[in-house]
Amino acid sequence: MMQRLAYNRFVILGRVGMDLCADPPGAKIETAERFTAAIGGSAGNIAVALARQGAGAALATCVSDDPVGRFCLAALTRYGVDTRHVRQVAGERRTSLALTETVARECQTVLYRNGAADFALSEADVSAIDFADAGALVVTGTALAAAPSRSAAALAMSRARAAGALVVLDIDYRAYSWATPEEAAQVCREAAQACDIVVGNDLEFGLLAGSHAAGEGFARGLAAQGARLAIYKRGAEGSTTFTADASFATPIFPVAALKPTGAGDGFMGGLLAGLAQGHGIEAAVRRGAATAALIVSGTGCAPASPDSATLARFIASFQQT
């Protein structure tokens, strides 16, 4: 079934927003001379990472019918992301706005996310998506946090699977989006058990398992019970990938990080693009790690996302040392 990824087309479901990054790099939000705007949001960043590495990437979400929403639409289009499934919503719903910094440690982020537009994604929206030529549907966990987006995501997963596409979950737990951690654990656990590829960090798998200590075992169990891949990310310690009958560790690429944000989104984009291009699982995970490293060592998330040539040169530079 992994061969389906050779279609090299992905539908990504979840949040997109605007990031305003304190400028010059290194400035705190409160001392910034100005701010530079870029795409933000986990699903938006994954879509950009895929498009930058030569994959077809269609985003399914909602943005506000205002200048911020239109900024997101225009920026996504410039990056080559298909926006036909992005619906503009009027009223009080707003596209998420984040103030952030290019600071390696103690990086501040101030998020404005009241009445989030992306939570307005409906079953009617995803019913209009044709998954026949999609290699995979990628769902970010934030989309599961509230209605009607939660039911829309569930329907999208069902329709994608019925069409033969893989279903991928980035657990992407953001506590501020959920009513309680217990609700998040239950909903995301059920979603993970229905997916072909599940990616999360140690805290996220710990949430689903009920304790941090049980997180790795939960990831291993997903692979044993039917997931093609479960990837357990450990931050600076790299990641462990579980398949039905094996596991392997992948280290990070050591770089001078300018910020901590965007790594997970880049990892997912690089991983899936690598699998779609025919790389083996270990090589694809390494490409995900390399994409993450390039993003944390650059300014902004989407602007720092590498194209295929940049990624190849970066990986080759480590192979030569």
C-alpha atoms as a PDB file:
ATOM      1  CA  MET A   1       0.000   0.000   0.000  1.00  0.00           C
ATOM      2  CA  MET A   2       2.958   2.330   0.550  1.00  0.00           C
ATOM      3  CA  GLN A   3       3.329   2.343  -3.243  1.00  0.00           C
ATOM      4  CA  ARG A   4       0.282   4.600  -3.315  1.00  0.00           C
ATOM      5  CA  LEU A   5       2.551   7.444  -2.178  1.00  0.00           C
ATOM      6  CA  ALA A   6       4.176   7.357  -5.621  1.00  0.00           C
ATOM      7  CA  TYR A   7       1.136   9.342  -6.782  1.00  0.00           C
ATOM      8  CA  ASN A   8       3.097  12.227  -5.200  1.00  0.00           C
ATOM      9  CA  ARG A   9      -0.045  14.183  -4.384  1.00  0.00           C
ATOM     10  CA  PHE A  10      -1.165  14.960  -0.852  1.00  0.00           C
ATOM     11  CA  VAL A  11      -4.195  16.534   0.768  1.00  0.00           C
ATOM     12  CA  ILE A  12      -3.288  18.247   4.042  1.00  0.00           C
ATOM     13  CA  LEU A  13      -6.085  19.037   6.495  1.00  0.00           C
ATOM     14  CA  GLY A  14      -5.687  21.542   9.303  1.00  0.00           C
ATOM     15  CA  ARG A  15      -4.616  24.992  10.329  1.00  0.00           C
ATOM     16  CA  VAL A  16      -2.987  27.766   8.345  1.00  0.00           C
ATOM     17  CA  GLY A  17      -2.282  31.214   9.728  1.00  0.00           C
ATOM     18  CA  MET A  18      -0.071  34.262   9.550  1.00  0.00           C
ATOM     19  CA  ASP A  19       3.204  34.465  11.471  1.00  0.00           C
ATOM     20  CA  LEU A  20       4.623  37.885  12.279  1.00  0.00           C
ATOM     21  CA  CYS A  21       8.303  37.390  13.091  1.00  0.00           C
ATOM     22  CA  ALA A  22      10.225  39.938  15.117  1.00  0.00           C
ATOM     23  CA  ASP A  23      12.878  41.633  13.015  1.00  0.00           C
ATOM     24  CA  PRO A  24      15.867  41.871  13.006  1.00  0.00           C
ATOM     25  CA  PRO A  25      16.500  38.192  13.863  1.00  0.00           C
ATOM     26  CA  GLY A  26      17.333  37.828  17.528  1.00  0.00           C
ATOM     27  CA  ALA A  27      15.055  40.672  18.579  1.00  0.00           C
ATOM     28  CA  LYS A  28      12.451  40.038  21.248  1.00  0.00           C
ATOM     29  CA  ILE A  29       8.839  40.776  20.379  1.00  0.00           C
ATOM     30  CA  GLU A  30       8.792  43.724  22.748  1.00  0.00           C
ATOM     31  CA  THR A  31      11.934  45.303  21.250  1.00  0.00           C
ATOM     32  CA  ALA A  32      11.347  44.532  17.557  1.00  0.00           C
ATOM     33  CA  GLU A  33      11.801  47.373  15.100  1.00  0.00           C
ATOM     34  CA  ARG A  34       9.359  45.719  12.673  1.00  0.00           C
ATOM     35  CA  PHE A  35       7.767  42.367  11.877  1.00  0.00           C
ATOM     36  CA  THR A  36       7.997  40.223   8.742  1.00  0.00           C
ATOM     37  CA  ALA A  37       4.974  38.194   7.656  1.00  0.00           C
ATOM     38  CA  ALA A  38       4.971  34.537   6.588  1.00  0.00           C
ATOM     39  CA  ILE A  39       2.695  31.526   6.408  1.00  0.00           C
ATOM     40  CA  GLY A  40       2.234  29.735   9.724  1.00  0.00           C
ATOM     41  CA  GLY A  41       0.186  26.890  11.111  1.00  0.00           C
ATOM     42  CA  SER A  42       1.126  23.224  11.093  1.00  0.00           C
ATOM     43  CA  ALA A  43      -0.915  22.118   8.064  1.00  0.00           C
ATOM     44  CA  GLY A  44       0.096  25.184   6.067  1.00  0.00           C
ATOM     45  CA  ASN A  45       3.768  24.584   6.829  1.00  0.00           C
ATOM     46  CA  ILE A  46       3.533  20.887   5.904  1.00  0.00           C
ATOM     47  CA  ALA A  47       1.855  21.795   2.615  1.00  0.00           C
ATOM     48  CA  VAL A  48       4.622  24.282   1.810  1.00  0.00           C
ATOM     49  CA  ALA A  49       7.344  21.755   2.702  1.00  0.00           C
ATOM     50  CA  LEU A  50       5.794  19.189   0.366  1.00  0.00           C
ATOM     51  CA  ALA A  51       5.332  21.675  -2.480  1.00  0.00           C
ATOM     52  CA  ARG A  52       8.906  22.950  -2.114  1.00  0.00           C
ATOM     53  CA  GLN A  53      10.178  19.367  -2.526  1.00  0.00           C
ATOM     54  CA  GLY A  54       8.210  18.700  -5.683  1.00  0.00           C
ATOM     55  CA  ALA A  55       5.028  17.096  -4.364  1.00  0.00           C
ATOM     56  CA  GLY A  56       1.481  18.077  -5.222  1.00  0.00           C
ATOM     57  CA  ALA A  57       0.039  19.593  -2.058  1.00  0.00           C
ATOM     58  CA  ALA A  58      -3.597  20.629  -1.627  1.00  0.00           C
ATOM     59  CA  LEU A  59      -4.633  22.273   1.637  1.00  0.00           C
ATOM     60  CA  ALA A  60      -8.097  21.703   3.118  1.00  0.00           C
ATOM     61  CA  THR A  61      -9.005  24.378   5.661  1.00  0.00           C
ATOM     62  CA  CYS A  62     -10.893  27.611   6.222  1.00  0.00           C
ATOM     63  CA  VAL A  63      -9.529  31.137   6.477  1.00  0.00           C
ATOM     64  CA  SER A  64     -11.280  34.369   7.365  1.00  0.00           C
ATOM     65  CA  ASP A  65     -12.701  36.528   4.608  1.00  0.00           C
ATOM     66  CA  ASP A  66     -10.431  39.438   5.447  1.00  0.00           C
ATOM     67  CA  PRO A  67      -6.935  40.685   4.580  1.00  0.00           C
ATOM     68  CA  VAL A  68      -5.217  38.112   6.825  1.00  0.00           C
ATOM     69  CA  GLY A  69      -7.084  35.235   5.200  1.00  0.00           C
ATOM     70  CA  ARG A  70      -6.344  36.611   1.759  1.00  0.00           C
ATOM     71  CA  PHE A  71      -2.663  36.962   2.682  1.00  0.00           C
ATOM     72  CA  CYS A  72      -2.587  33.247   3.492  1.00  0.00           C
ATOM     73  CA  LEU A  73      -4.270  32.335   0.218  1.00  0.00           C
ATOM     74  CA  ALA A  74      -1.856  34.454  -1.808  1.00  0.00           C
ATOM     75  CA  ALA A  75       1.224  33.156   0.012  1.00  0.00           C
ATOM     76  CA  LEU A  76       0.151  29.525  -0.343  1.00  0.00           C
ATOM     77  CA  THR A  77      -0.347  30.063  -4.062  1.00  0.00           C
ATOM     78  CA  ARG A  78       3.141  31.561  -4.404  1.00  0.00           C
ATOM     79  CA  TYR A  79       4.591  28.438  -2.790  1.00  0.00           C
ATOM     80  CA  GLY A  80       2.704  26.241  -5.241  1.00  0.00           C
ATOM     81  CA  VAL A  81       0.101  24.902  -2.803  1.00  0.00           C
ATOM     82  CA  ASP A  82      -3.312  24.065  -4.287  1.00  0.00           C
ATOM     83  CA  THR A  83      -5.915  26.210  -2.479  1.00  0.00           C
ATOM     84  CA  ARG A  84      -9.099  25.025  -4.196  1.00  0.00           C
ATOM     85  CA  HIS A  85     -10.205  23.395  -0.917  1.00  0.00           C
ATOM     86  CA  VAL A  86      -9.568  26.485   1.221  1.00  0.00           C
ATOM     87  CA  ARG A  87     -12.874  28.198   2.018  1.00  0.00           C
ATOM     88  CA  GLN A  88     -13.135  31.797   3.182  1.00  0.00           C
ATOM     89  CA  VAL A  89     -15.564  32.299   6.063  1.00  0.00           C
ATOM     90  CA  ALA A  90     -17.266  35.547   7.057  1.00  0.00           C
ATOM     91  CA  GLY A  91     -18.405  36.672  10.475  1.00  0.00           C
ATOM     92  CA  GLU A  92     -16.473  36.526  13.720  1.00  0.00           C
ATOM     93  CA  ARG A  93     -14.129  33.675  12.838  1.00  0.00           C
ATOM     94  CA  ARG A  94     -10.549  34.767  12.289  1.00  0.00           C
ATOM     95  CA  THR A  95      -7.417  33.265  10.763  1.00  0.00           C
ATOM     96  CA  SER A  96      -4.846  32.545  13.465  1.00  0.00           C
ATOM     97  CA  LEU A  97      -2.175  35.186  13.984  1.00  0.00           C
ATOM     98  CA  ALA A  98       1.094  34.496  15.809  1.00  0.00           C
ATOM     99  CA  LEU A  99       3.799  36.897  16.942  1.00  0.00           C
ATOM    100  CA  THR A 100       7.064  35.000  17.184  1.00  0.00           C
ATOM    101  CA  GLU A 101      10.836  35.390  17.369  1.00  0.00           C
ATOM    102  CA  THR A 102      13.969  34.050  15.706  1.00  0.00           C
ATOM    103  CA  VAL A 103      15.579  33.161  19.019  1.00  0.00           C
ATOM    104  CA  ALA A 104      17.147  29.770  19.712  1.00  0.00           C
ATOM    105  CA  ARG A 105      16.353  29.674  23.429  1.00  0.00           C
ATOM    106  CA  GLU A 106      13.437  31.025  25.416  1.00  0.00           C
ATOM    107  CA  CYS A 107      11.668  31.799  22.174  1.00  0.00           C
ATOM    108  CA  GLN A 108       8.447  33.697  22.801  1.00  0.00           C
ATOM    109  CA  THR A 109       5.276  33.190  20.781  1.00  0.00           C
ATOM    110  CA  VAL A 110       2.047  35.099  21.294  1.00  0.00           C
ATOM    111  CA  LEU A 111      -0.881  33.397  19.560  1.00  0.00           C
ATOM    112  CA  TYR A 112      -4.198  35.025  18.702  1.00  0.00           C
ATOM    113  CA  ARG A 113      -6.649  32.208  18.086  1.00  0.00           C
ATOM    114  CA  ASN A 114     -10.115  33.158  19.299  1.00  0.00           C
ATOM    115  CA  GLY A 115     -12.907  31.905  17.033  1.00  0.00           C
ATOM    116  CA  ALA A 116     -10.363  30.128  14.818  1.00  0.00           C
ATOM    117  CA  ALA A 117     -11.425  30.048  11.170  1.00  0.00           C
ATOM    118  CA  ASP A 118      -9.882  26.623  10.495  1.00  0.00           C
ATOM    119  CA  PHE A 119     -12.271  24.994  12.990  1.00  0.00           C
ATOM    120  CA  ALA A 120     -15.103  25.932  10.597  1.00  0.00           C
ATOM    121  CA  LEU A 121     -14.072  23.246   8.106  1.00  0.00           C
ATOM    122  CA  SER A 122     -17.200  21.162   7.498  1.00  0.00           C
ATOM    123  CA  GLU A 123     -18.222  17.772   6.200  1.00  0.00           C
ATOM    124  CA  ALA A 124     -19.522  19.524   3.083  1.00  0.00           C
ATOM    125  CA  ASP A 125     -16.032  20.932   2.489  1.00  0.00           C
ATOM    126  CA  VAL A 126     -14.313  17.541   2.569  1.00  0.00           C
ATOM    127  CA  SER A 127     -17.103  15.871   0.608  1.00  0.00           C
ATOM    128  CA  ALA A 128     -15.988  17.987  -2.345  1.00  0.00           C
ATOM    129  CA  ILE A 129     -12.449  16.558  -2.278  1.00  0.00           C
ATOM    130  CA  ASP A 130     -11.611  13.852  -4.815  1.00  0.00           C
ATOM    131  CA  PHE A 131      -9.115  11.473  -3.213  1.00  0.00           C
ATOM    132  CA  ALA A 132      -8.862   9.219  -6.275  1.00  0.00           C
ATOM    133  CA  ASP A 133      -5.500  10.662  -7.315  1.00  0.00           C
ATOM    134  CA  ALA A 134      -4.170  11.394  -3.817  1.00  0.00           C
ATOM    135  CA  GLY A 135      -1.324   9.386  -2.392  1.00  0.00           C
ATOM    136  CA  ALA A 136      -2.290  10.301   1.148  1.00  0.00           C
ATOM    137  CA  LEU A 137      -4.416  12.473   3.367  1.00  0.00           C
ATOM    138  CA  VAL A 138      -2.391  14.194   6.100  1.00  0.00           C
ATOM    139  CA  VAL A 139      -4.414  15.214   9.173  1.00  0.00           C
ATOM    140  CA  THR A 140      -2.926  17.449  11.847  1.00  0.00           C
ATOM    141  CA  GLY A 141      -4.230  16.768  15.338  1.00  0.00           C
ATOM    142  CA  THR A 142      -5.273  20.348  15.948  1.00  0.00           C
ATOM    143  CA  ALA A 143      -8.050  19.839  13.387  1.00  0.00           C
ATOM    144  CA  LEU A 144      -9.564  17.219  15.713  1.00  0.00           C
ATOM    145  CA  ALA A 145      -9.881  19.609  18.653  1.00  0.00           C
ATOM    146  CA  ALA A 146     -13.260  21.220  17.923  1.00  0.00           C
ATOM    147  CA  ALA A 147     -16.431  20.957  15.856  1.00  0.00           C
ATOM    148  CA  PRO A 148     -17.205  21.004  13.007  1.00  0.00           C
ATOM    149  CA  SER A 149     -13.564  20.437  12.006  1.00  0.00           C
ATOM    150  CA  ARG A 150     -13.396  17.211  14.038  1.00  0.00           C
ATOM    151  CA  SER A 151     -16.214  15.511  12.163  1.00  0.00           C
ATOM    152  CA  ALA A 152     -14.898  16.889   8.862  1.00  0.00           C
ATOM    153  CA  ALA A 153     -11.506  15.317   9.565  1.00  0.00           C
ATOM    154  CA  ALA A 154     -13.115  11.989  10.449  1.00  0.00           C
ATOM    155  CA  LEU A 155     -15.113  12.010   7.217  1.00  0.00           C
ATOM    156  CA  ALA A 156     -12.028  12.937   5.197  1.00  0.00           C
ATOM    157  CA  MET A 157     -10.127  10.011   6.735  1.00  0.00           C
ATOM    158  CA  SER A 158     -12.960   7.631   5.847  1.00  0.00           C
ATOM    159  CA  ARG A 159     -13.272   8.927   2.280  1.00  0.00           C
ATOM    160  CA  ALA A 160      -9.514   8.884   1.690  1.00  0.00           C
ATOM    161  CA  ARG A 161      -9.229   5.297   2.888  1.00  0.00           C
ATOM    162  CA  ALA A 162     -12.194   4.251   0.732  1.00  0.00           C
ATOM    163  CA  ALA A 163     -10.403   5.752  -2.297  1.00  0.00           C
ATOM    164  CA  GLY A 164      -7.246   3.768  -1.546  1.00  0.00           C
ATOM    165  CA  ALA A 165      -5.179   6.678  -0.207  1.00  0.00           C
ATOM    166  CA  LEU A 166      -3.034   6.365   2.905  1.00  0.00           C
ATOM    167  CA  VAL A 167      -4.058   8.273   6.021  1.00  0.00           C
ATOM    168  CA  VAL A 168      -1.330  10.079   7.951  1.00  0.00           C
ATOM    169  CA  LEU A 169      -1.646  11.696  11.392  1.00  0.00           C
ATOM    170  CA  ASP A 170       0.637  14.337  12.845  1.00  0.00           C
ATOM    171  CA  ILE A 171      -0.537  14.249  16.486  1.00  0.00           C
ATOM    172  CA  ASP A 172       0.297  17.970  16.791  1.00  0.00           C
ATOM    173  CA  TYR A 173      -1.085  18.373  20.335  1.00  0.00           C
ATOM    174  CA  ARG A 174      -1.663  21.994  21.306  1.00  0.00           C
ATOM    175  CA  ALA A 175      -3.223  22.149  24.778  1.00  0.00           C
ATOM    176  CA  TYR A 176      -4.836  25.554  24.166  1.00  0.00           C
ATOM    177  CA  SER A 177      -7.032  24.065  21.421  1.00  0.00           C
ATOM    178  CA  TRP A 178      -8.607  21.360  23.566  1.00  0.00           C
ATOM    179  CA  ALA A 179     -11.182  21.401  26.367  1.00  0.00           C
ATOM    180  CA  THR A 180      -9.135  18.910  28.431  1.00  0.00           C
ATOM    181  CA  PRO A 181      -6.045  16.720  27.967  1.00  0.00           C
ATOM    182  CA  GLU A 182      -8.263  13.679  28.557  1.00  0.00           C
ATOM    183  CA  GLU A 183     -10.471  14.588  25.597  1.00  0.00           C
ATOM    184  CA  ALA A 184      -7.413  15.157  23.423  1.00  0.00           C
ATOM    185  CA  ALA A 185      -5.957  11.794  24.416  1.00  0.00           C
ATOM    186  CA  GLN A 186      -9.153   9.896  23.621  1.00  0.00           C
ATOM    187  CA  VAL A 187      -9.860  11.582  20.276  1.00  0.00           C
ATOM    188  CA  CYS A 188      -6.267  11.478  19.022  1.00  0.00           C
ATOM    189  CA  ARG A 189      -5.799   7.899  20.213  1.00  0.00           C
ATOM    190  CA  GLU A 190      -8.812   6.753  18.202  1.00  0.00           C
ATOM    191  CA  ALA A 191      -7.571   8.667  15.153  1.00  0.00           C
ATOM    192  CA  ALA A 192      -4.047   7.226  15.459  1.00  0.00           C
ATOM    193  CA  GLN A 193      -5.380   3.679  15.600  1.00  0.00           C
ATOM    194  CA  ALA A 194      -7.091   4.248  12.234  1.00  0.00           C
ATOM    195  CA  CYS A 195      -4.017   5.644  10.430  1.00  0.00           C
ATOM    196  CA  ASP A 196      -1.276   4.195   8.254  1.00  0.00           C
ATOM    197  CA  ILE A 197       1.460   6.584   9.407  1.00  0.00           C
ATOM    198  CA  VAL A 198       1.531   8.304  12.807  1.00  0.00           C
ATOM    199  CA  VAL A 199       4.136  10.882  13.770  1.00  0.00           C
ATOM    200  CA  GLY A 200       4.478  12.522  17.171  1.00  0.00           C
ATOM    201  CA  ASN A 201       6.954  13.536  19.824  1.00  0.00           C
ATOM    202  CA  ASP A 202       7.548  11.902  23.190  1.00  0.00           C
ATOM    203  CA  LEU A 203       5.063  14.164  24.981  1.00  0.00           C
ATOM    204  CA  GLU A 204       2.345  13.506  22.386  1.00  0.00           C
ATOM    205  CA  PHE A 205       2.701   9.733  22.420  1.00  0.00           C
ATOM    206  CA  GLY A 206       2.815   9.923  26.217  1.00  0.00           C
ATOM    207  CA  LEU A 207      -0.500  11.780  26.175  1.00  0.00           C
ATOM    208  CA  LEU A 208      -2.113   9.076  24.035  1.00  0.00           C
ATOM    209  CA  ALA A 209      -0.617   6.287  26.153  1.00  0.00           C
ATOM    210  CA  GLY A 210      -1.613   7.778  29.490  1.00  0.00           C
ATOM    211  CA  SER A 211       1.913   8.423  30.728  1.00  0.00           C
ATOM    212  CA  HIS A 212       5.228   9.621  29.371  1.00  0.00           C
ATOM    213  CA  ALA A 213       6.870   6.320  30.275  1.00  0.00           C
ATOM    214  CA  ALA A 214       4.375   4.362  28.176  1.00  0.00           C
ATOM    215  CA  GLY A 215       4.634   6.567  25.076  1.00  0.00           C
ATOM    216  CA  GLU A 216       7.293   4.599  23.237  1.00  0.00           C
ATOM    217  CA  GLY A 217       5.454   1.347  23.842  1.00  0.00           C
ATOM    218  CA  PHE A 218       2.260   2.896  22.474  1.00  0.00           C
ATOM    219  CA  ALA A 219       4.074   3.938  19.282  1.00  0.00           C
ATOM    220  CA  ARG A 220       5.556   0.449  18.929  1.00  0.00           C
ATOM    221  CA  GLY A 221       2.095  -1.039  19.447  1.00  0.00           C
ATOM    222  CA  LEU A 222       0.559   1.059  16.673  1.00  0.00           C
ATOM    223  CA  ALA A 223       3.038  -0.413  14.199  1.00  0.00           C
ATOM    224  CA  ALA A 224       2.412  -3.924  15.485  1.00  0.00           C
ATOM    225  CA  GLN A 225      -1.354  -3.487  15.173  1.00  0.00           C
ATOM    226  CA  GLY A 226      -1.555  -2.222  11.606  1.00  0.00           C
ATOM    227  CA  ALA A 227       0.110   1.169  11.116  1.00  0.00           C
ATOM    228  CA  ARG A 228       2.786   1.033   8.409  1.00  0.00           C
ATOM    229  CA  LEU A 229       4.960   3.487  10.340  1.00  0.00           C
ATOM    230  CA  ALA A 230       4.930   5.056  13.784  1.00  0.00           C
ATOM    231  CA  ILE A 231       7.652   7.646  14.297  1.00  0.00           C
ATOM    232  CA  TYR A 232       8.511   8.621  17.864  1.00  0.00           C
ATOM    233  CA  LYS A 233      10.410  11.930  17.897  1.00  0.00           C
ATOM    234  CA  ARG A 234      12.796  12.691  20.744  1.00  0.00           C
ATOM    235  CA  GLY A 235      13.866  16.267  20.053  1.00  0.00           C
ATOM    236  CA  ALA A 236      17.636  16.636  20.159  1.00  0.00           C
ATOM    237  CA  GLU A 237      17.986  12.854  20.546  1.00  0.00           C
ATOM    238  CA  GLY A 238      16.538  12.215  17.096  1.00  0.00           C
ATOM    239  CA  SER A 239      13.718   9.772  16.433  1.00  0.00           C
ATOM    240  CA  THR A 240      12.820   6.090  16.495  1.00  0.00           C
ATOM    241  CA  THR A 241      10.777   4.606  13.655  1.00  0.00           C
ATOM    242  CA  PHE A 242       8.682   1.501  14.270  1.00  0.00           C
ATOM    243  CA  THR A 243       7.377  -0.844  11.576  1.00  0.00           C
ATOM    244  CA  ALA A 244       5.497  -4.086  12.070  1.00  0.00           C
ATOM    245  CA  ASP A 245       8.681  -6.130  12.457  1.00  0.00           C
ATOM    246  CA  ALA A 246      11.562  -3.717  13.015  1.00  0.00           C
ATOM    247  CA  SER A 247      12.684  -0.375  14.399  1.00  0.00           C
ATOM    248  CA  PHE A 248      15.566   1.989  13.796  1.00  0.00           C
ATOM    249  CA  ALA A 249      16.939   5.217  15.244  1.00  0.00           C
ATOM    250  CA  THR A 250      17.685   8.359  13.236  1.00  0.00           C
ATOM    251  CA  PRO A 251      19.853  11.141  14.669  1.00  0.00           C
ATOM    252  CA  ILE A 252      19.269  14.832  14.085  1.00  0.00           C
ATOM    253  CA  PHE A 253      21.455  16.903  11.791  1.00  0.00           C
ATOM    254  CA  PRO A 254      23.497  19.154  14.084  1.00  0.00           C
ATOM    255  CA  VAL A 255      23.020  22.789  13.065  1.00  0.00           C
ATOM    256  CA  ALA A 256      23.158  26.193  14.719  1.00  0.00           C
ATOM    257  CA  ALA A 257      19.453  26.556  15.442  1.00  0.00           C
ATOM    258  CA  LEU A 258      17.978  30.046  15.239  1.00  0.00           C
ATOM    259  CA  LYS A 259      14.576  29.006  16.611  1.00  0.00           C
ATOM    260  CA  PRO A 260      12.732  25.883  17.811  1.00  0.00           C
ATOM    261  CA  THR A 261       9.587  26.292  15.704  1.00  0.00           C
ATOM    262  CA  GLY A 262       8.649  24.545  12.468  1.00  0.00           C
ATOM    263  CA  ALA A 263      10.810  21.461  12.915  1.00  0.00           C
ATOM    264  CA  GLY A 264       7.946  18.995  13.192  1.00  0.00           C
ATOM    265  CA  ASP A 265       6.139  20.397  10.167  1.00  0.00           C
ATOM    266  CA  GLY A 266       9.308  20.216   8.103  1.00  0.00           C
ATOM    267  CA  PHE A 267       9.989  16.679   9.298  1.00  0.00           C
ATOM    268  CA  MET A 268       6.584  15.532   8.081  1.00  0.00           C
ATOM    269  CA  GLY A 269       6.956  17.272   4.718  1.00  0.00           C
ATOM    270  CA  GLY A 270      10.444  15.904   4.080  1.00  0.00           C
ATOM    271  CA  LEU A 271       9.460  12.397   5.180  1.00  0.00           C
ATOM    272  CA  LEU A 272       6.416  12.159   2.903  1.00  0.00           C
ATOM    273  CA  ALA A 273       8.124  13.796  -0.071  1.00  0.00           C
ATOM    274  CA  GLY A 274      10.982  11.313   0.303  1.00  0.00           C
ATOM    275  CA  LEU A 275       8.644   8.325   0.408  1.00  0.00           C
ATOM    276  CA  ALA A 276       6.740   9.647  -2.622  1.00  0.00           C
ATOM    277  CA  GLN A 277      10.008   9.957  -4.548  1.00  0.00           C
ATOM    278  CA  GLY A 278      10.813   6.301  -3.941  1.00  0.00           C
ATOM    279  CA  HIS A 279      13.359   6.607  -1.145  1.00  0.00           C
ATOM    280  CA  GLY A 280      13.416   3.786   1.372  1.00  0.00           C
ATOM    281  CA  ILE A 281      11.933   4.359   4.808  1.00  0.00           C
ATOM    282  CA  GLU A 282      15.270   5.038   6.528  1.00  0.00           C
ATOM    283  CA  ALA A 283      16.346   7.498   3.814  1.00  0.00           C
ATOM    284  CA  ALA A 284      12.954   9.232   3.898  1.00  0.00           C
ATOM    285  CA  VAL A 285      13.100   9.663   7.679  1.00  0.00           C
ATOM    286  CA  ARG A 286      16.589  11.110   7.282  1.00  0.00           C
ATOM    287  CA  ARG A 287      15.236  13.553   4.697  1.00  0.00           C
ATOM    288  CA  GLY A 288      12.589  14.564   7.214  1.00  0.00           C
ATOM    289  CA  ALA A 289      15.270  15.197   9.816  1.00  0.00           C
ATOM    290  CA  ALA A 290      17.314  17.222   7.328  1.00  0.00           C
ATOM    291  CA  THR A 291      14.306  19.356   6.386  1.00  0.00           C
ATOM    292  CA  ALA A 292      13.666  20.031  10.071  1.00  0.00           C
ATOM    293  CA  ALA A 293      17.290  21.071  10.585  1.00  0.00           C
ATOM    294  CA  LEU A 294      17.230  23.517   7.694  1.00  0.00           C
ATOM    295  CA  ILE A 295      14.010  25.094   8.924  1.00  0.00           C
ATOM    296  CA  VAL A 296      15.200  25.660  12.509  1.00  0.00           C
ATOM    297  CA  SER A 297      18.445  27.134  11.186  1.00  0.00           C
ATOM    298  CA  GLY A 298      16.614  29.682   9.001  1.00  0.00           C
ATOM    299  CA  THR A 299      14.322  32.646   9.534  1.00  0.00           C
ATOM    300  CA  GLY A 300      10.620  31.860   9.481  1.00  0.00           C
ATOM    301  CA  CYS A 301       9.129  28.410   8.855  1.00  0.00           C
ATOM    302  CA  ALA A 302       7.754  28.394   5.319  1.00  0.00           C
ATOM    303  CA  PRO A 303      10.484  30.791   4.050  1.00  0.00           C
ATOM    304  CA  ALA A 304      13.180  28.481   5.450  1.00  0.00           C
ATOM    305  CA  SER A 305      11.649  25.327   3.946  1.00  0.00           C
ATOM    306  CA  PRO A 306      14.191  23.886   1.470  1.00  0.00           C
ATOM    307  CA  ASP A 307      13.618  22.887  -2.128  1.00  0.00           C
ATOM    308  CA  SER A 308      14.859  19.499  -3.314  1.00  0.00           C
ATOM    309  CA  ALA A 309      18.213  20.777  -4.570  1.00  0.00           C
ATOM    310  CA  THR A 310      18.993  22.589  -1.310  1.00  0.00           C
ATOM    311  CA  LEU A 311      18.021  19.514   0.698  1.00  0.00           C
ATOM    312  CA  ALA A 312      20.225  17.242  -1.433  1.00  0.00           C
ATOM    313  CA  ARG A 313      23.244  19.532  -1.010  1.00  0.00           C
ATOM    314  CA  PHE A 314      22.687  19.718   2.735  1.00  0.00           C
ATOM    315  CA  ILE A 315      22.485  15.948   3.148  1.00  0.00           C
ATOM    316  CA  ALA A 316      25.524  15.448   0.898  1.00  0.00           C
ATOM    317  CA  SER A 317      27.581  17.870   2.990  1.00  0.00           C
ATOM    318  CA  PHE A 318      27.180  15.560   5.996  1.00  0.00           C
ATOM    319  CA  GLN A 319      27.946  12.445   3.994  1.00  0.00           C
ATOM    320  CA  GLN A 320      31.262  13.970   2.933  1.00  0.00           C
ATOM    321  CA  THR A 321      32.436  14.677   6.493  1.00  0.00           C
END
